[in-house]
Amino acid sequence: STAQPAAAADACVVQSSESADLAHGELLETRAKERKERAKAHMKFGTLAARSGKLEKAMEHYHKAIELRPDYAVAHHNAGGVCQRLHRFDDAVKHYEAAVSIKPTFV
C-alpha cells in the first residue's frame, strides 16, 4: 500500500525536523555559553586594566562585556566606576542605573 511508505516518510520528516530543532537548540545554548564566557573574560581584563590605571582600556573591555551580555549588572557597575574616575559623570550614572535596573538588589 502507498499509505505506509508515505506515513513512514512523514515520520522521518517529523523525526528529522525534531532532530534539527534539537541540534539548533543545542547550538544556540553553546553559543550563549560562549558569549557568557567571553563576557566574563572581558570583565576580568577590564578589572585588571582599571587596577593598573589603564582606564580607557578598561572601558573597552567593559563595553565589550556589556555588548556580549547586556544584562551583566557587574559590568555596568564597573563601567560606572571607571566613568566616575574619568569624570564622565553622566555616563557613570547611566551605567549605575543600568546595573540597578538589571539587578535591583545590586548596591
C-alpha atoms as a PDB file:
ATOM      1  CA  SER A   1       0.000   0.000   0.000  1.00  0.00           C
ATOM      2  CA  THR A   2       1.224   3.504  -0.788  1.00  0.00           C
ATOM      3  CA  ALA A   3      -0.117   4.873   2.504  1.00  0.00           C
ATOM      4  CA  GLN A   4       2.521   3.043   4.558  1.00  0.00           C
ATOM      5  CA  PRO A   5       5.566   4.425   2.704  1.00  0.00           C
ATOM      6  CA  ALA A   6       4.038   7.917   2.815  1.00  0.00           C
ATOM      7  CA  ALA A   7       3.381   7.598   6.565  1.00  0.00           C
ATOM      8  CA  ALA A   8       6.931   6.334   7.081  1.00  0.00           C
ATOM      9  CA  ALA A   9       8.293   9.248   5.056  1.00  0.00           C
ATOM     10  CA  ASP A  10       6.201  11.691   7.114  1.00  0.00           C
ATOM     11  CA  ALA A  11       7.520  10.111  10.317  1.00  0.00           C
ATOM     12  CA  CYS A  12      11.076  10.518   9.046  1.00  0.00           C
ATOM     13  CA  VAL A  13      10.443  14.165   8.204  1.00  0.00           C
ATOM     14  CA  VAL A  14       8.990  14.816  11.672  1.00  0.00           C
ATOM     15  CA  GLN A  15      11.873  12.961  13.329  1.00  0.00           C
ATOM     16  CA  SER A  16      14.384  14.787  11.126  1.00  0.00           C
ATOM     17  CA  SER A  17      12.743  18.123  11.947  1.00  0.00           C
ATOM     18  CA  GLU A  18      12.800  17.333  15.674  1.00  0.00           C
ATOM     19  CA  SER A  19      16.476  16.342  15.422  1.00  0.00           C
ATOM     20  CA  ALA A  20      17.264  19.553  13.566  1.00  0.00           C
ATOM     21  CA  ASP A  21      15.367  21.598  16.173  1.00  0.00           C
ATOM     22  CA  LEU A  22      17.262  19.844  18.963  1.00  0.00           C
ATOM     23  CA  ALA A  23      20.611  20.400  17.238  1.00  0.00           C
ATOM     24  CA  HIS A  24      19.727  24.049  16.624  1.00  0.00           C
ATOM     25  CA  GLY A  25      18.728  24.463  20.272  1.00  0.00           C
ATOM     26  CA  GLU A  26      21.985  22.896  21.419  1.00  0.00           C
ATOM     27  CA  LEU A  27      23.943  25.177  19.090  1.00  0.00           C
ATOM     28  CA  LEU A  28      22.169  28.259  20.469  1.00  0.00           C
ATOM     29  CA  GLU A  29      22.839  27.088  24.023  1.00  0.00           C
ATOM     30  CA  THR A  30      26.522  26.548  23.228  1.00  0.00           C
ATOM     31  CA  ARG A  31      26.802  29.989  21.657  1.00  0.00           C
ATOM     32  CA  ALA A  32      25.098  31.584  24.670  1.00  0.00           C
ATOM     33  CA  LYS A  33      27.574  29.872  26.991  1.00  0.00           C
ATOM     34  CA  GLU A  34      30.468  31.040  24.812  1.00  0.00           C
ATOM     35  CA  ARG A  35      29.163  34.622  24.884  1.00  0.00           C
ATOM     36  CA  LYS A  36      28.848  34.423  28.660  1.00  0.00           C
ATOM     37  CA  GLU A  37      32.423  33.130  28.989  1.00  0.00           C
ATOM     38  CA  ARG A  38      33.770  35.810  26.628  1.00  0.00           C
ATOM     39  CA  ALA A  39      31.903  38.465  28.612  1.00  0.00           C
ATOM     40  CA  LYS A  40      33.489  37.149  31.825  1.00  0.00           C
ATOM     41  CA  ALA A  41      36.920  37.295  30.209  1.00  0.00           C
ATOM     42  CA  HIS A  42      36.364  40.907  29.152  1.00  0.00           C
ATOM     43  CA  MET A  43      35.250  41.710  32.696  1.00  0.00           C
ATOM     44  CA  LYS A  44      38.484  40.260  34.083  1.00  0.00           C
ATOM     45  CA  PHE A  45      40.608  42.151  31.549  1.00  0.00           C
ATOM     46  CA  GLY A  46      38.670  45.331  32.309  1.00  0.00           C
ATOM     47  CA  THR A  47      39.255  44.922  36.022  1.00  0.00           C
ATOM     48  CA  LEU A  48      42.971  44.300  35.510  1.00  0.00           C
ATOM     49  CA  ALA A  49      43.231  47.351  33.248  1.00  0.00           C
ATOM     50  CA  ALA A  50      41.338  49.546  35.736  1.00  0.00           C
ATOM     51  CA  ARG A  51      43.533  48.399  38.617  1.00  0.00           C
ATOM     52  CA  SER A  52      46.643  49.283  36.647  1.00  0.00           C
ATOM     53  CA  GLY A  53      45.274  52.732  35.758  1.00  0.00           C
ATOM     54  CA  LYS A  54      44.515  51.957  32.102  1.00  0.00           C
ATOM     55  CA  LEU A  55      41.022  53.364  32.329  1.00  0.00           C
ATOM     56  CA  GLU A  56      40.285  53.728  28.613  1.00  0.00           C
ATOM     57  CA  LYS A  57      41.362  50.119  28.049  1.00  0.00           C
ATOM     58  CA  ALA A  58      39.171  49.068  30.977  1.00  0.00           C
ATOM     59  CA  MET A  59      36.196  50.823  29.380  1.00  0.00           C
ATOM     60  CA  GLU A  60      36.820  48.996  26.095  1.00  0.00           C
ATOM     61  CA  HIS A  61      36.627  45.667  27.916  1.00  0.00           C
ATOM     62  CA  TYR A  62      33.592  46.612  29.990  1.00  0.00           C
ATOM     63  CA  HIS A  63      31.756  47.811  26.881  1.00  0.00           C
ATOM     64  CA  LYS A  64      32.597  44.546  25.117  1.00  0.00           C
ATOM     65  CA  ALA A  65      31.305  42.567  28.112  1.00  0.00           C
ATOM     66  CA  ILE A  66      28.085  44.610  28.050  1.00  0.00           C
ATOM     67  CA  GLU A  67      27.762  44.138  24.287  1.00  0.00           C
ATOM     68  CA  LEU A  68      28.034  40.371  24.764  1.00  0.00           C
ATOM     69  CA  ARG A  69      25.738  40.339  27.798  1.00  0.00           C
ATOM     70  CA  PRO A  70      23.572  43.466  28.064  1.00  0.00           C
ATOM     71  CA  ASP A  71      22.153  42.099  31.337  1.00  0.00           C
ATOM     72  CA  TYR A  72      25.599  41.972  33.011  1.00  0.00           C
ATOM     73  CA  ALA A  73      24.957  44.166  36.070  1.00  0.00           C
ATOM     74  CA  VAL A  74      28.523  43.908  37.390  1.00  0.00           C
ATOM     75  CA  ALA A  75      29.952  45.071  34.047  1.00  0.00           C
ATOM     76  CA  HIS A  76      27.662  48.112  34.136  1.00  0.00           C
ATOM     77  CA  HIS A  77      28.661  48.819  37.734  1.00  0.00           C
ATOM     78  CA  ASN A  78      32.374  48.549  36.991  1.00  0.00           C
ATOM     79  CA  ALA A  79      31.979  50.712  33.884  1.00  0.00           C
ATOM     80  CA  GLY A  80      30.221  53.264  36.075  1.00  0.00           C
ATOM     81  CA  GLY A  81      33.166  53.296  38.465  1.00  0.00           C
ATOM     82  CA  VAL A  82      35.649  53.844  35.653  1.00  0.00           C
ATOM     83  CA  CYS A  83      33.481  56.587  34.139  1.00  0.00           C
ATOM     84  CA  GLN A  84      33.434  58.242  37.542  1.00  0.00           C
ATOM     85  CA  ARG A  85      37.254  58.097  37.713  1.00  0.00           C
ATOM     86  CA  LEU A  86      37.364  59.617  34.215  1.00  0.00           C
ATOM     87  CA  HIS A  87      34.995  62.413  35.352  1.00  0.00           C
ATOM     88  CA  ARG A  88      32.348  61.223  32.879  1.00  0.00           C
ATOM     89  CA  PHE A  89      29.642  61.560  35.467  1.00  0.00           C
ATOM     90  CA  ASP A  90      26.636  61.371  33.120  1.00  0.00           C
ATOM     91  CA  ASP A  91      27.935  58.080  31.719  1.00  0.00           C
ATOM     92  CA  ALA A  92      28.678  56.835  35.237  1.00  0.00           C
ATOM     93  CA  VAL A  93      25.084  57.491  36.289  1.00  0.00           C
ATOM     94  CA  LYS A  94      23.758  55.662  33.210  1.00  0.00           C
ATOM     95  CA  HIS A  95      25.866  52.596  33.984  1.00  0.00           C
ATOM     96  CA  TYR A  96      24.930  52.610  37.683  1.00  0.00           C
ATOM     97  CA  GLU A  97      21.245  52.972  36.793  1.00  0.00           C
ATOM     98  CA  ALA A  98      21.547  50.096  34.303  1.00  0.00           C
ATOM     99  CA  ALA A  99      23.175  47.906  36.956  1.00  0.00           C
ATOM    100  CA  VAL A 100      20.394  48.578  39.454  1.00  0.00           C
ATOM    101  CA  SER A 101      17.625  48.165  36.868  1.00  0.00           C
ATOM    102  CA  ILE A 102      19.060  44.785  35.885  1.00  0.00           C
ATOM    103  CA  LYS A 103      19.605  43.666  39.455  1.00  0.00           C
ATOM    104  CA  PRO A 104      17.626  45.804  41.934  1.00  0.00           C
ATOM    105  CA  THR A 105      19.456  44.280  44.901  1.00  0.00           C
ATOM    106  CA  PHE A 106      22.788  45.393  43.438  1.00  0.00           C
ATOM    107  CA  VAL A 107      24.137  48.144  45.651  1.00  0.00           C
END
